[in-house]
């Protein structure tokens, strides 16, 4: 027999007598009928609850997939080792790199060229287990060109303790970090999948008007140009790294890196760069953020809203302890 509501399909609800007969089991004068009626409805309630939970956690379609618009680069086509090459291994076909952190050092790599705009992506698989204090990052920066007064656009995976999820942190620094005027613009997410189980695509699209962060082509954050003072305009390089961020990475430093669990490993593959180099002609256009080429489409906005409503755990603009005069875009 199907759920109880199927019995109502042919019922003429215009008949008052029929309506009252349907409500009869719910009369408070009959306690047993009320109990039985509630019990009969319990499977239906659970059915709709499961549907609701599925819809909340099910990844929506963004309708546009920028990661499919480019061909992957081999590692050495796009990048070089930056520090501690002995803590990284490039696959024989150069399609992937493994980097690790141990008690001696972390490791990092850097794009060969600086860019004035572009789409930058990599697929990452993180280590499971105890990873507290470990920061695995894919980001844009010009710190080496402008030390203490640089721009930076971050995707950071903040390690965790068993039983708690990784935190994906996005951040934007503009003309100054490390010189006493650190103004971060953090938004953090708990992902809707296990980032240690498989590779997933993470991307930054930076053009003259906006910065968009993507996870598997779902836009999770859009940072628009508010004015020149709050938007990075100088060329940046793309980087990947793994390092010890014990002082702040996991629950504001509550849990530190424990080298009894070393090495801490991150695997990266499918390197995508579609950008305008620092010396490119002014006619150069970076990869489009959407099918229309301007901003995000309505389908992409719906997907971003889903990600932020269901998986965002921190937004600097909603932090009442922050001085928002320093972040006018809020």
C-alpha atoms as a PDB file:
ATOM      1  CA  UNK A   1       0.000   0.000   0.000  1.00  0.00           C
ATOM      2  CA  UNK A   2       1.302   3.467  -0.876  1.00  0.00           C
ATOM      3  CA  UNK A   3       1.595   6.465   1.470  1.00  0.00           C
ATOM      4  CA  UNK A   4      -1.707   7.644   2.971  1.00  0.00           C
ATOM      5  CA  UNK A   5      -1.994  10.706   0.688  1.00  0.00           C
ATOM      6  CA  UNK A   6      -2.574   8.484  -2.355  1.00  0.00           C
ATOM      7  CA  UNK A   7      -5.973   7.573  -0.849  1.00  0.00           C
ATOM      8  CA  UNK A   8      -7.040  11.213  -1.180  1.00  0.00           C
ATOM      9  CA  UNK A   9      -6.548  11.582  -4.940  1.00  0.00           C
ATOM     10  CA  UNK A  10     -10.158  10.974  -5.974  1.00  0.00           C
ATOM     11  CA  UNK A  11     -11.724  12.496  -2.894  1.00  0.00           C
ATOM     12  CA  UNK A  12     -14.136  15.375  -3.724  1.00  0.00           C
ATOM     13  CA  UNK A  13     -12.823  17.995  -1.317  1.00  0.00           C
ATOM     14  CA  UNK A  14     -15.766  20.217  -2.191  1.00  0.00           C
ATOM     15  CA  UNK A  15     -17.872  17.939   0.004  1.00  0.00           C
ATOM     16  CA  UNK A  16     -17.883  19.122   3.613  1.00  0.00           C
ATOM     17  CA  UNK A  17     -18.923  15.703   4.768  1.00  0.00           C
ATOM     18  CA  UNK A  18     -15.940  14.101   3.081  1.00  0.00           C
ATOM     19  CA  UNK A  19     -13.494  16.594   4.600  1.00  0.00           C
ATOM     20  CA  UNK A  20     -14.841  15.999   8.077  1.00  0.00           C
ATOM     21  CA  UNK A  21     -14.688  12.245   7.548  1.00  0.00           C
ATOM     22  CA  UNK A  22     -10.987  12.536   6.656  1.00  0.00           C
ATOM     23  CA  UNK A  23     -10.285  14.596   9.738  1.00  0.00           C
ATOM     24  CA  UNK A  24     -12.240  12.262  11.975  1.00  0.00           C
ATOM     25  CA  UNK A  25      -9.191  10.199  13.064  1.00  0.00           C
ATOM     26  CA  UNK A  26      -7.555  13.396  14.350  1.00  0.00           C
ATOM     27  CA  UNK A  27     -10.353  14.327  16.763  1.00  0.00           C
ATOM     28  CA  UNK A  28      -8.860  14.864  20.186  1.00  0.00           C
ATOM     29  CA  UNK A  29     -11.719  12.929  21.737  1.00  0.00           C
ATOM     30  CA  UNK A  30     -10.197   9.754  20.335  1.00  0.00           C
ATOM     31  CA  UNK A  31      -6.657   9.537  21.723  1.00  0.00           C
ATOM     32  CA  UNK A  32      -5.897   6.188  20.107  1.00  0.00           C
ATOM     33  CA  UNK A  33      -6.994   7.357  16.651  1.00  0.00           C
ATOM     34  CA  UNK A  34      -4.757  10.427  16.971  1.00  0.00           C
ATOM     35  CA  UNK A  35      -1.780   8.266  17.914  1.00  0.00           C
ATOM     36  CA  UNK A  36      -2.397   5.839  15.055  1.00  0.00           C
ATOM     37  CA  UNK A  37      -2.818   8.702  12.583  1.00  0.00           C
ATOM     38  CA  UNK A  38       0.497  10.272  13.671  1.00  0.00           C
ATOM     39  CA  UNK A  39       2.238   6.924  13.423  1.00  0.00           C
ATOM     40  CA  UNK A  40       0.871   6.468   9.898  1.00  0.00           C
ATOM     41  CA  UNK A  41       2.222   9.868   8.899  1.00  0.00           C
ATOM     42  CA  UNK A  42       5.696   9.247  10.380  1.00  0.00           C
ATOM     43  CA  UNK A  43       7.064   7.386   7.326  1.00  0.00           C
ATOM     44  CA  UNK A  44       5.802  10.190   5.104  1.00  0.00           C
ATOM     45  CA  UNK A  45       7.509  12.792   7.298  1.00  0.00           C
ATOM     46  CA  UNK A  46      10.777  10.854   7.218  1.00  0.00           C
ATOM     47  CA  UNK A  47      10.493  10.500   3.440  1.00  0.00           C
ATOM     48  CA  UNK A  48      10.222  14.261   2.921  1.00  0.00           C
ATOM     49  CA  UNK A  49      12.980  14.891   5.493  1.00  0.00           C
ATOM     50  CA  UNK A  50      15.343  12.672   3.523  1.00  0.00           C
ATOM     51  CA  UNK A  51      14.443  14.502   0.303  1.00  0.00           C
ATOM     52  CA  UNK A  52      15.112  17.847   2.007  1.00  0.00           C
ATOM     53  CA  UNK A  53      18.488  16.706   3.329  1.00  0.00           C
ATOM     54  CA  UNK A  54      19.420  15.352  -0.092  1.00  0.00           C
ATOM     55  CA  UNK A  55      18.548  18.635  -1.810  1.00  0.00           C
ATOM     56  CA  UNK A  56      20.484  20.675   0.772  1.00  0.00           C
ATOM     57  CA  UNK A  57      23.641  18.592   0.388  1.00  0.00           C
ATOM     58  CA  UNK A  58      23.397  17.797  -3.320  1.00  0.00           C
ATOM     59  CA  UNK A  59      25.772  19.819  -5.475  1.00  0.00           C
ATOM     60  CA  UNK A  60      23.813  22.001  -7.930  1.00  0.00           C
ATOM     61  CA  UNK A  61      24.770  22.519 -11.546  1.00  0.00           C
ATOM     62  CA  UNK A  62      26.422  25.900 -12.204  1.00  0.00           C
ATOM     63  CA  UNK A  63      25.487  25.678 -15.888  1.00  0.00           C
ATOM     64  CA  UNK A  64      28.992  26.783 -16.937  1.00  0.00           C
ATOM     65  CA  UNK A  65      32.244  24.879 -16.470  1.00  0.00           C
ATOM     66  CA  UNK A  66      35.371  27.026 -16.898  1.00  0.00           C
ATOM     67  CA  UNK A  67      37.644  24.104 -15.945  1.00  0.00           C
ATOM     68  CA  UNK A  68      36.692  22.414 -19.231  1.00  0.00           C
ATOM     69  CA  UNK A  69      37.719  25.386 -21.369  1.00  0.00           C
ATOM     70  CA  UNK A  70      41.470  24.803 -21.023  1.00  0.00           C
ATOM     71  CA  UNK A  71      43.883  21.927 -21.552  1.00  0.00           C
ATOM     72  CA  UNK A  72      45.989  20.906 -18.545  1.00  0.00           C
ATOM     73  CA  UNK A  73      49.640  21.908 -18.500  1.00  0.00           C
ATOM     74  CA  UNK A  74      52.444  19.600 -17.534  1.00  0.00           C
ATOM     75  CA  UNK A  75      53.950  20.795 -14.276  1.00  0.00           C
ATOM     76  CA  UNK A  76      57.136  22.228 -15.772  1.00  0.00           C
ATOM     77  CA  UNK A  77      55.204  23.962 -18.552  1.00  0.00           C
ATOM     78  CA  UNK A  78      53.640  26.264 -16.014  1.00  0.00           C
ATOM     79  CA  UNK A  79      55.654  26.025 -12.809  1.00  0.00           C
ATOM     80  CA  UNK A  80      59.058  25.657 -11.191  1.00  0.00           C
ATOM     81  CA  UNK A  81      60.017  24.533  -7.715  1.00  0.00           C
ATOM     82  CA  UNK A  82      60.315  27.518  -5.385  1.00  0.00           C
ATOM     83  CA  UNK A  83      61.574  26.080  -2.113  1.00  0.00           C
ATOM     84  CA  UNK A  84      62.595  22.724  -0.694  1.00  0.00           C
ATOM     85  CA  UNK A  85      62.512  20.664  -3.920  1.00  0.00           C
ATOM     86  CA  UNK A  86      63.554  17.649  -1.827  1.00  0.00           C
ATOM     87  CA  UNK A  87      60.073  17.847  -0.260  1.00  0.00           C
ATOM     88  CA  UNK A  88      58.270  17.438  -3.574  1.00  0.00           C
ATOM     89  CA  UNK A  89      58.010  14.775  -6.249  1.00  0.00           C
ATOM     90  CA  UNK A  90      56.862  15.421  -9.806  1.00  0.00           C
ATOM     91  CA  UNK A  91      55.339  12.434 -11.583  1.00  0.00           C
ATOM     92  CA  UNK A  92      57.252  10.944 -14.520  1.00  0.00           C
ATOM     93  CA  UNK A  93      54.760  12.347 -17.025  1.00  0.00           C
ATOM     94  CA  UNK A  94      54.769  15.723 -15.190  1.00  0.00           C
ATOM     95  CA  UNK A  95      50.995  15.622 -14.811  1.00  0.00           C
ATOM     96  CA  UNK A  96      51.089  15.856 -11.004  1.00  0.00           C
ATOM     97  CA  UNK A  97      53.170  16.844  -8.019  1.00  0.00           C
ATOM     98  CA  UNK A  98      53.274  15.618  -4.430  1.00  0.00           C
ATOM     99  CA  UNK A  99      54.475  18.074  -1.785  1.00  0.00           C
ATOM    100  CA  UNK A 100      54.902  17.412   1.911  1.00  0.00           C
ATOM    101  CA  UNK A 101      55.623  18.935   5.278  1.00  0.00           C
ATOM    102  CA  UNK A 102      57.754  17.288   7.943  1.00  0.00           C
ATOM    103  CA  UNK A 103      59.645  18.541  10.995  1.00  0.00           C
ATOM    104  CA  UNK A 104      62.406  19.851   8.749  1.00  0.00           C
ATOM    105  CA  UNK A 105      60.420  21.890   6.232  1.00  0.00           C
ATOM    106  CA  UNK A 106      57.435  22.382   4.000  1.00  0.00           C
ATOM    107  CA  UNK A 107      57.600  22.957   0.257  1.00  0.00           C
ATOM    108  CA  UNK A 108      56.336  25.207  -2.511  1.00  0.00           C
ATOM    109  CA  UNK A 109      56.284  25.962  -6.233  1.00  0.00           C
ATOM    110  CA  UNK A 110      55.684  29.053  -8.361  1.00  0.00           C
ATOM    111  CA  UNK A 111      54.439  29.826 -11.861  1.00  0.00           C
ATOM    112  CA  UNK A 112      57.088  30.689 -14.404  1.00  0.00           C
ATOM    113  CA  UNK A 113      55.345  33.885 -15.426  1.00  0.00           C
ATOM    114  CA  UNK A 114      53.548  36.727 -13.649  1.00  0.00           C
ATOM    115  CA  UNK A 115      50.020  37.525 -14.818  1.00  0.00           C
ATOM    116  CA  UNK A 116      47.891  40.648 -14.893  1.00  0.00           C
ATOM    117  CA  UNK A 117      44.687  38.585 -14.973  1.00  0.00           C
ATOM    118  CA  UNK A 118      43.544  35.047 -15.615  1.00  0.00           C
ATOM    119  CA  UNK A 119      42.018  31.740 -14.562  1.00  0.00           C
ATOM    120  CA  UNK A 120      44.219  29.569 -12.352  1.00  0.00           C
ATOM    121  CA  UNK A 121      43.205  26.091 -11.216  1.00  0.00           C
ATOM    122  CA  UNK A 122      44.540  22.872  -9.771  1.00  0.00           C
ATOM    123  CA  UNK A 123      42.995  19.606  -8.608  1.00  0.00           C
ATOM    124  CA  UNK A 124      43.976  18.702  -5.058  1.00  0.00           C
ATOM    125  CA  UNK A 125      43.722  15.629  -2.850  1.00  0.00           C
ATOM    126  CA  UNK A 126      44.429  16.217   0.842  1.00  0.00           C
ATOM    127  CA  UNK A 127      45.720  13.942   3.573  1.00  0.00           C
ATOM    128  CA  UNK A 128      43.274  12.381   6.016  1.00  0.00           C
ATOM    129  CA  UNK A 129      43.727  11.872   9.758  1.00  0.00           C
ATOM    130  CA  UNK A 130      45.406  14.360  12.077  1.00  0.00           C
ATOM    131  CA  UNK A 131      46.447  17.396  10.010  1.00  0.00           C
ATOM    132  CA  UNK A 132      45.927  20.215  12.534  1.00  0.00           C
ATOM    133  CA  UNK A 133      48.072  23.276  11.950  1.00  0.00           C
ATOM    134  CA  UNK A 134      48.921  22.291   8.368  1.00  0.00           C
ATOM    135  CA  UNK A 135      48.216  24.852   5.650  1.00  0.00           C
ATOM    136  CA  UNK A 136      47.986  23.581   2.072  1.00  0.00           C
ATOM    137  CA  UNK A 137      47.571  26.501  -0.301  1.00  0.00           C
ATOM    138  CA  UNK A 138      47.008  27.470  -3.921  1.00  0.00           C
ATOM    139  CA  UNK A 139      47.194  31.218  -4.380  1.00  0.00           C
ATOM    140  CA  UNK A 140      48.217  34.294  -6.334  1.00  0.00           C
ATOM    141  CA  UNK A 141      50.754  36.741  -4.929  1.00  0.00           C
ATOM    142  CA  UNK A 142      53.385  39.360  -5.739  1.00  0.00           C
ATOM    143  CA  UNK A 143      55.096  39.208  -2.361  1.00  0.00           C
ATOM    144  CA  UNK A 144      58.549  38.695  -3.836  1.00  0.00           C
ATOM    145  CA  UNK A 145      58.130  41.765  -6.043  1.00  0.00           C
ATOM    146  CA  UNK A 146      56.543  43.911  -3.302  1.00  0.00           C
ATOM    147  CA  UNK A 147      57.636  42.518   0.086  1.00  0.00           C
ATOM    148  CA  UNK A 148      55.540  43.870   2.944  1.00  0.00           C
ATOM    149  CA  UNK A 149      53.255  45.723   0.558  1.00  0.00           C
ATOM    150  CA  UNK A 150      51.913  43.007  -1.668  1.00  0.00           C
ATOM    151  CA  UNK A 151      48.658  41.696  -3.084  1.00  0.00           C
ATOM    152  CA  UNK A 152      47.448  38.145  -2.544  1.00  0.00           C
ATOM    153  CA  UNK A 153      44.438  35.974  -3.443  1.00  0.00           C
ATOM    154  CA  UNK A 154      44.261  32.741  -1.453  1.00  0.00           C
ATOM    155  CA  UNK A 155      42.680  29.328  -1.462  1.00  0.00           C
ATOM    156  CA  UNK A 156      43.887  27.631   1.722  1.00  0.00           C
ATOM    157  CA  UNK A 157      43.051  24.236   3.170  1.00  0.00           C
ATOM    158  CA  UNK A 158      43.318  24.419   6.948  1.00  0.00           C
ATOM    159  CA  UNK A 159      44.127  21.089   8.554  1.00  0.00           C
ATOM    160  CA  UNK A 160      42.025  19.544  11.268  1.00  0.00           C
ATOM    161  CA  UNK A 161      41.718  16.830  13.899  1.00  0.00           C
ATOM    162  CA  UNK A 162      39.971  13.497  13.280  1.00  0.00           C
ATOM    163  CA  UNK A 163      36.198  13.817  13.323  1.00  0.00           C
ATOM    164  CA  UNK A 164      36.183  17.441  12.157  1.00  0.00           C
ATOM    165  CA  UNK A 165      36.221  18.676   8.540  1.00  0.00           C
ATOM    166  CA  UNK A 166      38.903  20.605   6.727  1.00  0.00           C
ATOM    167  CA  UNK A 167      38.217  24.315   6.401  1.00  0.00           C
ATOM    168  CA  UNK A 168      38.638  25.920   2.998  1.00  0.00           C
ATOM    169  CA  UNK A 169      39.597  29.557   3.481  1.00  0.00           C
ATOM    170  CA  UNK A 170      39.477  32.159   0.730  1.00  0.00           C
ATOM    171  CA  UNK A 171      41.180  35.489   1.271  1.00  0.00           C
ATOM    172  CA  UNK A 172      42.107  38.697  -0.516  1.00  0.00           C
ATOM    173  CA  UNK A 173      44.929  41.028   0.540  1.00  0.00           C
ATOM    174  CA  UNK A 174      45.434  44.345  -1.226  1.00  0.00           C
ATOM    175  CA  UNK A 175      48.671  46.343  -1.147  1.00  0.00           C
ATOM    176  CA  UNK A 176      49.843  45.423   2.279  1.00  0.00           C
ATOM    177  CA  UNK A 177      50.266  42.332   4.412  1.00  0.00           C
ATOM    178  CA  UNK A 178      53.027  41.797   6.915  1.00  0.00           C
ATOM    179  CA  UNK A 179      53.809  45.475   7.341  1.00  0.00           C
ATOM    180  CA  UNK A 180      51.519  46.060  10.330  1.00  0.00           C
ATOM    181  CA  UNK A 181      48.504  46.900   8.180  1.00  0.00           C
ATOM    182  CA  UNK A 182      47.172  43.391   7.641  1.00  0.00           C
ATOM    183  CA  UNK A 183      43.610  43.574   6.335  1.00  0.00           C
ATOM    184  CA  UNK A 184      42.337  40.112   5.519  1.00  0.00           C
ATOM    185  CA  UNK A 185      39.048  39.417   3.789  1.00  0.00           C
ATOM    186  CA  UNK A 186      38.424  35.845   4.864  1.00  0.00           C
ATOM    187  CA  UNK A 187      35.493  33.681   3.894  1.00  0.00           C
ATOM    188  CA  UNK A 188      35.593  30.065   5.095  1.00  0.00           C
ATOM    189  CA  UNK A 189      33.703  26.951   4.055  1.00  0.00           C
ATOM    190  CA  UNK A 190      33.226  23.355   5.107  1.00  0.00           C
ATOM    191  CA  UNK A 191      33.075  21.445   1.853  1.00  0.00           C
ATOM    192  CA  UNK A 192      30.125  19.277   0.809  1.00  0.00           C
ATOM    193  CA  UNK A 193      32.449  16.342   0.105  1.00  0.00           C
ATOM    194  CA  UNK A 194      35.484  14.693   1.677  1.00  0.00           C
ATOM    195  CA  UNK A 195      38.527  16.437   0.131  1.00  0.00           C
ATOM    196  CA  UNK A 196      40.766  13.562   1.251  1.00  0.00           C
ATOM    197  CA  UNK A 197      38.850  10.899  -0.698  1.00  0.00           C
ATOM    198  CA  UNK A 198      39.536  12.130  -4.233  1.00  0.00           C
ATOM    199  CA  UNK A 199      40.828  15.002  -6.351  1.00  0.00           C
ATOM    200  CA  UNK A 200      38.645  18.094  -6.710  1.00  0.00           C
ATOM    201  CA  UNK A 201      39.148  21.200  -8.808  1.00  0.00           C
ATOM    202  CA  UNK A 202      39.837  24.531  -7.060  1.00  0.00           C
ATOM    203  CA  UNK A 203      40.181  27.744  -9.047  1.00  0.00           C
ATOM    204  CA  UNK A 204      40.665  31.491  -8.900  1.00  0.00           C
ATOM    205  CA  UNK A 205      39.454  33.729 -11.712  1.00  0.00           C
ATOM    206  CA  UNK A 206      40.864  37.235 -11.552  1.00  0.00           C
ATOM    207  CA  UNK A 207      39.953  39.896 -14.088  1.00  0.00           C
ATOM    208  CA  UNK A 208      39.947  43.722 -13.935  1.00  0.00           C
ATOM    209  CA  UNK A 209      36.473  43.808 -12.384  1.00  0.00           C
ATOM    210  CA  UNK A 210      36.183  40.821 -10.042  1.00  0.00           C
ATOM    211  CA  UNK A 211      37.729  37.791  -8.388  1.00  0.00           C
ATOM    212  CA  UNK A 212      35.745  34.550  -8.315  1.00  0.00           C
ATOM    213  CA  UNK A 213      36.623  31.432  -6.338  1.00  0.00           C
ATOM    214  CA  UNK A 214      35.399  28.069  -7.656  1.00  0.00           C
ATOM    215  CA  UNK A 215      35.154  24.552  -6.256  1.00  0.00           C
ATOM    216  CA  UNK A 216      34.397  21.975  -8.971  1.00  0.00           C
ATOM    217  CA  UNK A 217      33.165  24.892 -11.101  1.00  0.00           C
ATOM    218  CA  UNK A 218      30.694  25.973  -8.393  1.00  0.00           C
ATOM    219  CA  UNK A 219      31.390  29.660  -7.708  1.00  0.00           C
ATOM    220  CA  UNK A 220      31.607  29.933  -3.921  1.00  0.00           C
ATOM    221  CA  UNK A 221      32.638  33.561  -3.670  1.00  0.00           C
ATOM    222  CA  UNK A 222      32.615  36.678  -5.824  1.00  0.00           C
ATOM    223  CA  UNK A 223      34.802  39.619  -4.801  1.00  0.00           C
ATOM    224  CA  UNK A 224      34.041  42.653  -6.936  1.00  0.00           C
ATOM    225  CA  UNK A 225      36.152  45.714  -7.538  1.00  0.00           C
ATOM    226  CA  UNK A 226      34.815  48.407  -5.211  1.00  0.00           C
ATOM    227  CA  UNK A 227      37.577  50.898  -5.894  1.00  0.00           C
ATOM    228  CA  UNK A 228      41.271  50.831  -6.777  1.00  0.00           C
ATOM    229  CA  UNK A 229      42.303  50.761  -3.113  1.00  0.00           C
ATOM    230  CA  UNK A 230      40.461  47.519  -2.388  1.00  0.00           C
ATOM    231  CA  UNK A 231      41.318  45.503  -5.511  1.00  0.00           C
ATOM    232  CA  UNK A 232      44.632  43.944  -6.604  1.00  0.00           C
ATOM    233  CA  UNK A 233      45.856  45.524  -9.836  1.00  0.00           C
ATOM    234  CA  UNK A 234      49.556  44.603  -9.992  1.00  0.00           C
ATOM    235  CA  UNK A 235      50.810  41.425 -11.714  1.00  0.00           C
ATOM    236  CA  UNK A 236      50.875  38.267  -9.593  1.00  0.00           C
ATOM    237  CA  UNK A 237      52.331  34.769  -9.832  1.00  0.00           C
ATOM    238  CA  UNK A 238      50.494  31.523  -9.041  1.00  0.00           C
ATOM    239  CA  UNK A 239      51.835  29.409  -6.158  1.00  0.00           C
ATOM    240  CA  UNK A 240      51.273  26.110  -4.412  1.00  0.00           C
ATOM    241  CA  UNK A 241      52.632  25.264  -0.972  1.00  0.00           C
ATOM    242  CA  UNK A 242      52.349  23.274   2.229  1.00  0.00           C
ATOM    243  CA  UNK A 243      53.618  24.710   5.521  1.00  0.00           C
ATOM    244  CA  UNK A 244      53.284  24.829   9.308  1.00  0.00           C
ATOM    245  CA  UNK A 245      50.647  27.395  10.315  1.00  0.00           C
ATOM    246  CA  UNK A 246      50.203  26.125  13.870  1.00  0.00           C
ATOM    247  CA  UNK A 247      49.788  29.598  15.319  1.00  0.00           C
ATOM    248  CA  UNK A 248      46.384  30.141  13.674  1.00  0.00           C
ATOM    249  CA  UNK A 249      45.269  27.525  11.140  1.00  0.00           C
ATOM    250  CA  UNK A 250      43.193  25.149  13.264  1.00  0.00           C
ATOM    251  CA  UNK A 251      40.631  26.737  15.581  1.00  0.00           C
ATOM    252  CA  UNK A 252      42.788  29.869  15.929  1.00  0.00           C
ATOM    253  CA  UNK A 253      45.831  27.882  16.972  1.00  0.00           C
ATOM    254  CA  UNK A 254      44.160  25.621  19.527  1.00  0.00           C
ATOM    255  CA  UNK A 255      45.546  22.546  17.774  1.00  0.00           C
ATOM    256  CA  UNK A 256      49.147  22.549  16.507  1.00  0.00           C
ATOM    257  CA  UNK A 257      51.041  20.457  13.994  1.00  0.00           C
ATOM    258  CA  UNK A 258      51.949  17.135  15.612  1.00  0.00           C
ATOM    259  CA  UNK A 259      54.995  15.728  13.862  1.00  0.00           C
ATOM    260  CA  UNK A 260      54.262  12.274  15.211  1.00  0.00           C
ATOM    261  CA  UNK A 261      51.929  12.129  12.186  1.00  0.00           C
ATOM    262  CA  UNK A 262      54.482  13.344   9.621  1.00  0.00           C
ATOM    263  CA  UNK A 263      54.882  13.588   6.717  1.00  0.00           C
ATOM    264  CA  UNK A 264      51.823  15.662   5.828  1.00  0.00           C
ATOM    265  CA  UNK A 265      51.183  15.183   2.135  1.00  0.00           C
ATOM    266  CA  UNK A 266      49.206  17.044  -0.540  1.00  0.00           C
ATOM    267  CA  UNK A 267      48.802  15.819  -4.096  1.00  0.00           C
ATOM    268  CA  UNK A 268      48.075  18.229  -6.953  1.00  0.00           C
ATOM    269  CA  UNK A 269      47.295  17.623 -10.611  1.00  0.00           C
ATOM    270  CA  UNK A 270      45.472  19.064 -13.627  1.00  0.00           C
ATOM    271  CA  UNK A 271      47.216  22.433 -13.682  1.00  0.00           C
ATOM    272  CA  UNK A 272      45.184  25.010 -15.601  1.00  0.00           C
ATOM    273  CA  UNK A 273      46.290  28.537 -16.489  1.00  0.00           C
ATOM    274  CA  UNK A 274      44.356  30.735 -18.878  1.00  0.00           C
ATOM    275  CA  UNK A 275      45.595  34.240 -18.361  1.00  0.00           C
ATOM    276  CA  UNK A 276      47.175  37.403 -19.645  1.00  0.00           C
ATOM    277  CA  UNK A 277      50.848  37.598 -18.743  1.00  0.00           C
ATOM    278  CA  UNK A 278      52.290  40.762 -17.293  1.00  0.00           C
ATOM    279  CA  UNK A 279      53.635  41.842 -20.696  1.00  0.00           C
ATOM    280  CA  UNK A 280      50.567  40.797 -22.728  1.00  0.00           C
ATOM    281  CA  UNK A 281      48.899  43.271 -25.041  1.00  0.00           C
ATOM    282  CA  UNK A 282      46.017  45.301 -23.653  1.00  0.00           C
ATOM    283  CA  UNK A 283      43.730  43.418 -26.028  1.00  0.00           C
ATOM    284  CA  UNK A 284      44.349  40.183 -24.105  1.00  0.00           C
ATOM    285  CA  UNK A 285      41.220  38.862 -22.409  1.00  0.00           C
ATOM    286  CA  UNK A 286      41.210  36.278 -19.592  1.00  0.00           C
ATOM    287  CA  UNK A 287      38.868  33.309 -19.537  1.00  0.00           C
ATOM    288  CA  UNK A 288      35.230  34.359 -19.113  1.00  0.00           C
ATOM    289  CA  UNK A 289      33.643  33.948 -15.693  1.00  0.00           C
ATOM    290  CA  UNK A 290      30.286  33.016 -17.207  1.00  0.00           C
ATOM    291  CA  UNK A 291      28.618  32.211 -20.543  1.00  0.00           C
ATOM    292  CA  UNK A 292      27.912  35.900 -21.082  1.00  0.00           C
ATOM    293  CA  UNK A 293      31.470  36.909 -20.231  1.00  0.00           C
ATOM    294  CA  UNK A 294      30.357  39.549 -17.726  1.00  0.00           C
ATOM    295  CA  UNK A 295      29.824  38.630 -14.086  1.00  0.00           C
ATOM    296  CA  UNK A 296      28.033  35.407 -13.167  1.00  0.00           C
ATOM    297  CA  UNK A 297      24.918  33.982 -14.766  1.00  0.00           C
ATOM    298  CA  UNK A 298      21.681  33.546 -12.787  1.00  0.00           C
ATOM    299  CA  UNK A 299      22.361  29.795 -12.605  1.00  0.00           C
ATOM    300  CA  UNK A 300      25.834  30.448 -11.226  1.00  0.00           C
ATOM    301  CA  UNK A 301      24.429  32.877  -8.657  1.00  0.00           C
ATOM    302  CA  UNK A 302      21.963  30.234  -7.516  1.00  0.00           C
ATOM    303  CA  UNK A 303      24.801  27.735  -7.134  1.00  0.00           C
ATOM    304  CA  UNK A 304      26.885  30.276  -5.200  1.00  0.00           C
ATOM    305  CA  UNK A 305      23.930  31.049  -2.943  1.00  0.00           C
ATOM    306  CA  UNK A 306      23.569  27.320  -2.238  1.00  0.00           C
ATOM    307  CA  UNK A 307      27.259  27.050  -1.307  1.00  0.00           C
ATOM    308  CA  UNK A 308      27.188  30.086   0.958  1.00  0.00           C
ATOM    309  CA  UNK A 309      23.883  29.309   2.668  1.00  0.00           C
ATOM    310  CA  UNK A 310      24.727  25.678   3.371  1.00  0.00           C
ATOM    311  CA  UNK A 311      28.511  25.488   3.652  1.00  0.00           C
ATOM    312  CA  UNK A 312      29.971  28.895   4.563  1.00  0.00           C
ATOM    313  CA  UNK A 313      31.116  29.034   8.191  1.00  0.00           C
ATOM    314  CA  UNK A 314      32.680  32.518   8.345  1.00  0.00           C
ATOM    315  CA  UNK A 315      32.285  35.803   6.458  1.00  0.00           C
ATOM    316  CA  UNK A 316      34.489  38.751   7.421  1.00  0.00           C
ATOM    317  CA  UNK A 317      31.726  41.163   6.425  1.00  0.00           C
ATOM    318  CA  UNK A 318      29.413  39.626   9.051  1.00  0.00           C
ATOM    319  CA  UNK A 319      32.012  39.688  11.815  1.00  0.00           C
ATOM    320  CA  UNK A 320      30.911  42.410  14.235  1.00  0.00           C
ATOM    321  CA  UNK A 321      34.339  42.465  15.881  1.00  0.00           C
ATOM    322  CA  UNK A 322      35.946  43.726  12.670  1.00  0.00           C
ATOM    323  CA  UNK A 323      36.532  47.387  11.825  1.00  0.00           C
ATOM    324  CA  UNK A 324      34.563  47.599   8.601  1.00  0.00           C
ATOM    325  CA  UNK A 325      35.806  51.083   7.809  1.00  0.00           C
ATOM    326  CA  UNK A 326      38.880  49.193   6.550  1.00  0.00           C
ATOM    327  CA  UNK A 327      36.743  47.013   4.288  1.00  0.00           C
ATOM    328  CA  UNK A 328      34.333  49.425   2.541  1.00  0.00           C
ATOM    329  CA  UNK A 329      33.150  46.647   0.210  1.00  0.00           C
ATOM    330  CA  UNK A 330      31.186  45.238   3.178  1.00  0.00           C
END
